[in-house]
Amino acid sequence: MNVKIAVNRMELEDAFSIRKTVFIEEQNVPAEEEIDQYENDCTHFVLYRDGFPAGAGRFRVVDGYGKVERICVLKEQRQTGAGQAVMNAIEAYAQENGIKKLKLNAQTHAIPFYSKLGYETVSEEFMDAGIPHKTMIKQL
């Protein structure tokens, strides 16, 4: 497994392809909500396994904290450590850039995953793209 920051168009397209498969095709998120106005303001991460894209995520700074977004792994690659590898890469990047606090909006089924990584729930449940979420934070 290798997580890379997308530095060229091909790597960015790999990230978008994973997100399309997971969010649009699997979870029925509308395409216009999945690809949004923040794409150019984000650092995009792609996880490659055996040379093929298998996971993705993005990171941006909002009001002095790191916003972790669009974390996804292809169905056949889940439960392999792929999601944790993406999160580890994003957290390392945040620390390298002096970010002390991370925030994410977790789908409720993924809360146990993020909790194991040290994130704490700080909100009530809310709907985003028709999917229940809760906000979580982590101090680095």
Protein backbone atom coordinates (compact mmCIF):
# COMPACT_ATOMS: atom_id res chain seq x y z
CA MET A 1 0.00 0.00 0.00
CA ASN A 2 1.22 3.43 -0.90
CA VAL A 3 -0.59 6.71 -0.19
CA LYS A 4 0.41 9.64 -2.38
CA ILE A 5 -0.53 13.26 -2.58
CA ALA A 6 -2.03 13.78 -6.02
CA VAL A 7 0.46 15.97 -7.87
CA ASN A 8 -0.71 15.52 -11.45
CA ARG A 9 -3.95 15.19 -13.39
CA MET A 10 -3.76 11.38 -13.57
CA GLU A 11 -3.46 11.02 -9.79
CA LEU A 12 -6.28 13.50 -9.24
CA GLU A 13 -8.45 11.54 -11.67
CA ASP A 14 -7.59 8.36 -9.72
CA ALA A 15 -8.90 10.03 -6.54
CA PHE A 16 -12.06 11.19 -8.30
CA SER A 17 -12.59 7.71 -9.77
CA ILE A 18 -12.48 6.09 -6.31
CA ARG A 19 -14.82 8.73 -4.92
CA LYS A 20 -17.23 8.24 -7.84
CA THR A 21 -17.31 4.48 -7.29
CA VAL A 22 -17.84 4.70 -3.52
CA PHE A 23 -19.99 7.78 -3.08
CA ILE A 24 -21.94 8.14 -6.33
CA GLU A 25 -22.34 4.54 -7.46
CA GLU A 26 -22.36 2.68 -4.14
CA GLN A 27 -23.96 5.25 -1.82
CA ASN A 28 -26.09 7.14 -4.37
CA VAL A 29 -24.70 10.58 -3.53
CA PRO A 30 -25.64 13.03 -6.30
CA ALA A 31 -22.63 13.78 -8.54
CA GLU A 32 -23.14 17.53 -8.12
CA GLU A 33 -22.74 17.15 -4.34
CA GLU A 34 -19.73 14.83 -4.51
CA ILE A 35 -17.50 17.02 -6.69
CA ASP A 36 -17.82 20.48 -5.17
CA GLN A 37 -16.47 24.03 -5.19
CA TYR A 38 -13.64 23.15 -2.77
CA GLU A 39 -11.77 20.70 -5.01
CA ASN A 40 -9.16 23.27 -6.06
CA ASP A 41 -8.58 24.31 -2.43
CA CYS A 42 -7.79 20.78 -1.23
CA THR A 43 -4.80 18.51 -1.02
CA HIS A 44 -5.93 15.20 -2.51
CA PHE A 45 -4.63 11.81 -1.37
CA VAL A 46 -4.73 8.54 -3.30
CA LEU A 47 -3.99 5.09 -1.92
CA TYR A 48 -2.48 2.67 -4.43
CA ARG A 49 -2.41 -1.06 -3.84
CA ASP A 50 -0.43 -3.17 -6.31
CA GLY A 51 -0.27 -0.11 -8.56
CA PHE A 52 -4.03 0.41 -8.72
CA PRO A 53 -6.00 3.18 -7.00
CA ALA A 54 -7.95 1.72 -4.06
CA GLY A 55 -8.67 4.62 -1.69
CA ALA A 56 -8.81 8.39 -1.50
CA GLY A 57 -9.35 11.40 0.71
CA ARG A 58 -8.87 15.12 0.73
CA PHE A 59 -7.70 17.75 3.20
CA ARG A 60 -8.13 21.49 3.48
CA VAL A 61 -7.57 24.13 6.12
CA VAL A 62 -10.72 25.86 7.38
CA ASP A 63 -10.55 28.53 10.10
CA GLY A 64 -7.19 27.24 11.36
CA TYR A 65 -8.11 23.57 11.67
CA GLY A 66 -7.68 20.69 9.25
CA LYS A 67 -10.84 19.45 7.58
CA VAL A 68 -10.62 15.78 6.58
CA GLU A 69 -13.06 14.95 3.82
CA ARG A 70 -14.12 12.36 1.25
CA ILE A 71 -12.35 9.41 2.89
CA CYS A 72 -13.22 6.31 0.91
CA VAL A 73 -11.91 2.86 0.05
CA LEU A 74 -13.13 0.48 -2.63
CA LYS A 75 -15.39 -2.20 -1.19
CA GLU A 76 -12.97 -5.06 -1.94
CA GLN A 77 -10.14 -3.21 -0.17
CA ARG A 78 -11.98 -2.50 3.10
CA GLN A 79 -10.86 -4.18 6.32
CA THR A 80 -7.28 -4.31 4.98
CA GLY A 81 -5.85 -1.23 6.70
CA ALA A 82 -6.36 0.90 3.59
CA GLY A 83 -8.59 3.45 5.32
CA GLN A 84 -6.17 3.78 8.20
CA ALA A 85 -3.29 4.27 5.74
CA VAL A 86 -5.17 7.16 4.08
CA MET A 87 -5.93 8.72 7.46
CA ASN A 88 -2.32 8.29 8.65
CA ALA A 89 -1.06 10.08 5.54
CA ILE A 90 -3.50 12.95 5.98
CA GLU A 91 -2.67 13.31 9.67
CA ALA A 92 1.08 13.30 8.95
CA TYR A 93 0.56 15.97 6.28
CA ALA A 94 -1.46 18.08 8.73
CA GLN A 95 1.25 17.83 11.39
CA GLU A 96 3.97 18.71 8.87
CA ASN A 97 1.97 21.84 8.08
CA GLY A 98 1.51 22.90 11.71
CA ILE A 99 -2.14 21.90 12.05
CA LYS A 100 -3.05 20.96 15.63
CA LYS A 101 -6.75 20.09 15.29
CA LEU A 102 -8.59 17.94 12.76
CA LYS A 103 -12.30 17.84 12.09
CA LEU A 104 -14.41 15.52 9.94
CA ASN A 105 -18.03 14.67 9.32
CA ALA A 106 -18.28 10.90 9.65
CA GLN A 107 -21.02 8.75 8.25
CA THR A 108 -22.50 7.18 11.37
CA HIS A 109 -21.55 3.64 10.31
CA ALA A 110 -17.89 4.78 10.16
CA ILE A 111 -17.79 6.32 13.66
CA PRO A 112 -16.18 3.20 15.23
CA PHE A 113 -13.39 3.39 12.61
CA TYR A 114 -12.63 7.04 13.38
CA SER A 115 -12.97 6.50 17.14
CA LYS A 116 -10.20 3.88 16.99
CA LEU A 117 -8.02 6.56 15.38
CA GLY A 118 -8.61 8.95 18.27
CA TYR A 119 -11.50 11.06 16.95
CA GLU A 120 -14.24 12.15 19.36
CA THR A 121 -17.87 12.81 18.42
CA VAL A 122 -18.84 16.44 19.05
CA SER A 123 -22.25 16.79 17.38
CA GLU A 124 -25.68 15.34 17.16
CA GLU A 125 -26.58 13.33 14.08
CA PHE A 126 -27.31 15.33 10.91
CA MET A 127 -28.03 14.43 7.31
CA ASP A 128 -25.60 15.13 4.48
CA ALA A 129 -26.34 13.91 0.96
CA GLY A 130 -29.13 11.79 2.46
CA ILE A 131 -26.70 9.94 4.76
CA PRO A 132 -26.59 10.32 8.58
CA HIS A 133 -23.36 11.89 9.89
CA LYS A 134 -21.80 13.19 13.09
CA THR A 135 -18.95 15.68 13.42
CA MET A 136 -15.77 14.38 15.03
CA ILE A 137 -12.54 16.09 16.09
CA LYS A 138 -9.01 15.06 17.02
CA GLN A 139 -6.21 17.05 18.63
CA LEU A 140 -2.81 16.26 17.09
